[in-house]
Amino acid sequence: MGVKTSGAFKRAGGDAKRKNKQFVTCITKAMGSAMRFGAEVGKDTIETSGTGYEGRRGRVKSGKMRDSFDGKVVDSNDTQVVGQLGWLSSDPFYAKYQEHGFTVSGHQVEGMMALRNAGEDVWDEFKRDANACVREIYG
């Protein structure tokens, strides 16, 4: 279970081609930074979001759900950069229940919204850094 964030852009020729290459490098770094930030936000949410059911802080027992939450750049070329965030390499079956909430023994367990909140933070971080790339490369 994960979410993808991507940015698409047009190819350019001549001197603009050199600048486009610089832009792709810069924006790929921006996406990588945003994905790492999102992974930390998601892990922090998993560690601190209580269930309201067991009376403990966080949702970490074995650490599998937290440790498998990650963010990375999955594609980068001269027209797009794509990052993916969430449970990428191993998807504990219970992550989707913890993310969205569920009922157990008549008790409602609120969703932790780790992926949703981290995804929103990733998008904000990426937009800020992508705008800095545009200013840096194209003035």
Protein backbone atom coordinates (compact mmCIF):
# COMPACT_ATOMS: atom_id res chain seq x y z
CA MET A 1 0.00 0.00 0.00
CA GLY A 2 1.51 3.31 -1.05
CA VAL A 3 0.94 6.57 -2.83
CA LYS A 4 2.85 8.02 -5.76
CA THR A 5 3.77 11.66 -6.27
CA SER A 6 5.01 12.80 -9.66
CA GLY A 7 5.92 15.84 -11.65
CA ALA A 8 5.94 15.96 -15.45
CA PHE A 9 7.72 18.51 -17.61
CA LYS A 10 8.47 19.10 -21.29
CA ARG A 11 11.67 18.39 -23.19
CA ALA A 12 13.72 21.26 -24.48
CA GLY A 13 16.44 21.73 -27.12
CA GLY A 14 19.73 23.68 -27.46
CA ASP A 15 20.90 25.63 -24.39
CA ALA A 16 17.54 24.86 -22.89
CA LYS A 17 18.47 21.16 -23.15
CA ARG A 18 21.45 21.73 -20.83
CA LYS A 19 19.24 23.61 -18.41
CA ASN A 20 16.63 20.86 -18.63
CA LYS A 21 19.29 18.31 -17.62
CA GLN A 22 20.25 20.48 -14.64
CA PHE A 23 16.57 20.84 -13.77
CA VAL A 24 15.99 17.07 -13.90
CA THR A 25 18.95 16.52 -11.56
CA CYS A 26 17.72 19.20 -9.17
CA ILE A 27 14.09 18.08 -9.17
CA THR A 28 15.09 14.42 -8.70
CA LYS A 29 17.06 15.45 -5.61
CA ALA A 30 14.04 17.45 -4.45
CA MET A 31 11.78 14.41 -4.83
CA GLY A 32 14.28 12.19 -3.00
CA SER A 33 14.49 14.66 -0.15
CA ALA A 34 10.70 14.95 0.03
CA MET A 35 10.33 11.15 0.07
CA ARG A 36 12.88 10.76 2.90
CA PHE A 37 11.07 13.48 4.84
CA GLY A 38 7.72 11.76 4.24
CA ALA A 39 9.11 8.43 5.43
CA GLU A 40 10.20 10.05 8.68
CA VAL A 41 6.83 11.76 9.13
CA GLY A 42 5.02 8.46 8.53
CA LYS A 43 7.24 6.55 10.96
CA ASP A 44 6.83 9.25 13.58
CA THR A 45 3.03 9.09 13.19
CA ILE A 46 3.09 5.30 13.59
CA GLU A 47 5.19 5.67 16.74
CA THR A 48 3.02 8.35 18.32
CA SER A 49 -0.56 7.75 17.13
CA GLY A 50 -2.38 5.91 19.88
CA THR A 51 -5.21 3.50 19.22
CA GLY A 52 -7.39 4.77 22.05
CA TYR A 53 -8.07 1.11 22.74
CA GLU A 54 -5.03 -0.41 24.42
CA GLY A 55 -4.12 2.73 26.33
CA ARG A 56 -0.61 2.98 25.02
CA ARG A 57 1.23 5.52 22.96
CA GLY A 58 1.95 4.57 19.36
CA ARG A 59 1.23 1.50 17.28
CA VAL A 60 4.52 -0.31 17.53
CA LYS A 61 4.65 -3.89 18.80
CA SER A 62 7.07 -5.72 16.52
CA GLY A 63 8.18 -2.64 14.58
CA LYS A 64 7.35 -4.25 11.20
CA MET A 65 4.69 -1.70 10.20
CA ARG A 66 6.92 1.24 11.16
CA ASP A 67 10.12 -0.17 9.71
CA SER A 68 8.55 -1.08 6.37
CA PHE A 69 7.16 2.46 5.83
CA ASP A 70 9.48 4.12 3.31
CA GLY A 71 9.72 6.73 0.59
CA LYS A 72 11.90 6.70 -2.52
CA VAL A 73 12.25 7.95 -6.07
CA VAL A 74 11.07 5.15 -8.36
CA ASP A 75 11.51 6.83 -11.77
CA SER A 76 13.34 9.85 -13.13
CA ASN A 77 13.91 10.75 -16.76
CA ASP A 78 13.90 13.85 -18.96
CA THR A 79 10.12 14.29 -18.74
CA GLN A 80 9.10 13.17 -15.23
CA VAL A 81 10.15 12.26 -11.72
CA VAL A 82 8.09 9.83 -9.61
CA GLY A 83 8.33 9.11 -5.92
CA GLN A 84 6.50 6.44 -3.96
CA LEU A 85 5.66 6.56 -0.26
CA GLY A 86 4.18 4.02 2.11
CA TRP A 87 4.61 0.32 2.79
CA LEU A 88 6.66 -0.45 -0.32
CA SER A 89 8.79 -3.54 0.19
CA SER A 90 6.59 -5.44 2.60
CA ASP A 91 3.00 -4.63 3.30
CA PRO A 92 1.86 -5.91 6.68
CA PHE A 93 -1.77 -6.90 6.10
CA TYR A 94 -2.84 -4.89 9.13
CA ALA A 95 -1.33 -1.58 7.91
CA LYS A 96 -4.47 -0.69 5.93
CA TYR A 97 -6.64 -1.28 9.02
CA GLN A 98 -4.36 0.78 11.23
CA GLU A 99 -4.23 3.52 8.57
CA HIS A 100 -7.99 3.87 8.14
CA GLY A 101 -9.33 2.60 11.47
CA PHE A 102 -11.42 -0.40 12.44
CA THR A 103 -13.64 -1.85 15.15
CA VAL A 104 -12.48 -4.65 17.44
CA SER A 105 -14.51 -6.18 20.28
CA GLY A 106 -16.97 -3.30 20.02
CA HIS A 107 -14.22 -0.66 20.36
CA GLN A 108 -13.58 1.82 17.56
CA VAL A 109 -9.88 2.23 16.76
CA GLU A 110 -9.28 5.51 14.96
CA GLY A 111 -7.16 5.52 11.85
CA MET A 112 -3.63 6.77 12.33
CA MET A 113 -3.54 8.42 8.86
CA ALA A 114 0.26 8.04 8.64
CA LEU A 115 0.27 7.67 4.86
CA ARG A 116 -2.27 10.42 4.25
CA ASN A 117 -0.52 12.96 6.47
CA ALA A 118 2.96 12.05 5.26
CA GLY A 119 1.74 12.29 1.65
CA GLU A 120 0.42 15.80 2.24
CA ASP A 121 3.72 16.82 3.84
CA VAL A 122 5.68 15.27 0.95
CA TRP A 123 3.69 17.25 -1.59
CA ASP A 124 4.28 20.53 0.27
CA GLU A 125 8.00 19.79 0.65
CA PHE A 126 8.35 18.78 -3.00
CA LYS A 127 6.53 21.88 -4.30
CA ARG A 128 8.75 24.17 -2.22
CA ASP A 129 11.95 22.47 -3.42
CA ALA A 130 10.75 22.21 -7.04
CA ASN A 131 10.06 25.95 -7.05
CA ALA A 132 13.60 26.50 -5.73
CA CYS A 133 14.89 24.40 -8.67
CA VAL A 134 13.01 26.55 -11.15
CA ARG A 135 14.41 29.75 -9.60
CA GLU A 136 17.95 28.31 -9.47
CA ILE A 137 18.07 26.95 -13.02
CA TYR A 138 15.85 29.35 -14.96
CA GLY A 139 16.22 32.47 -12.84
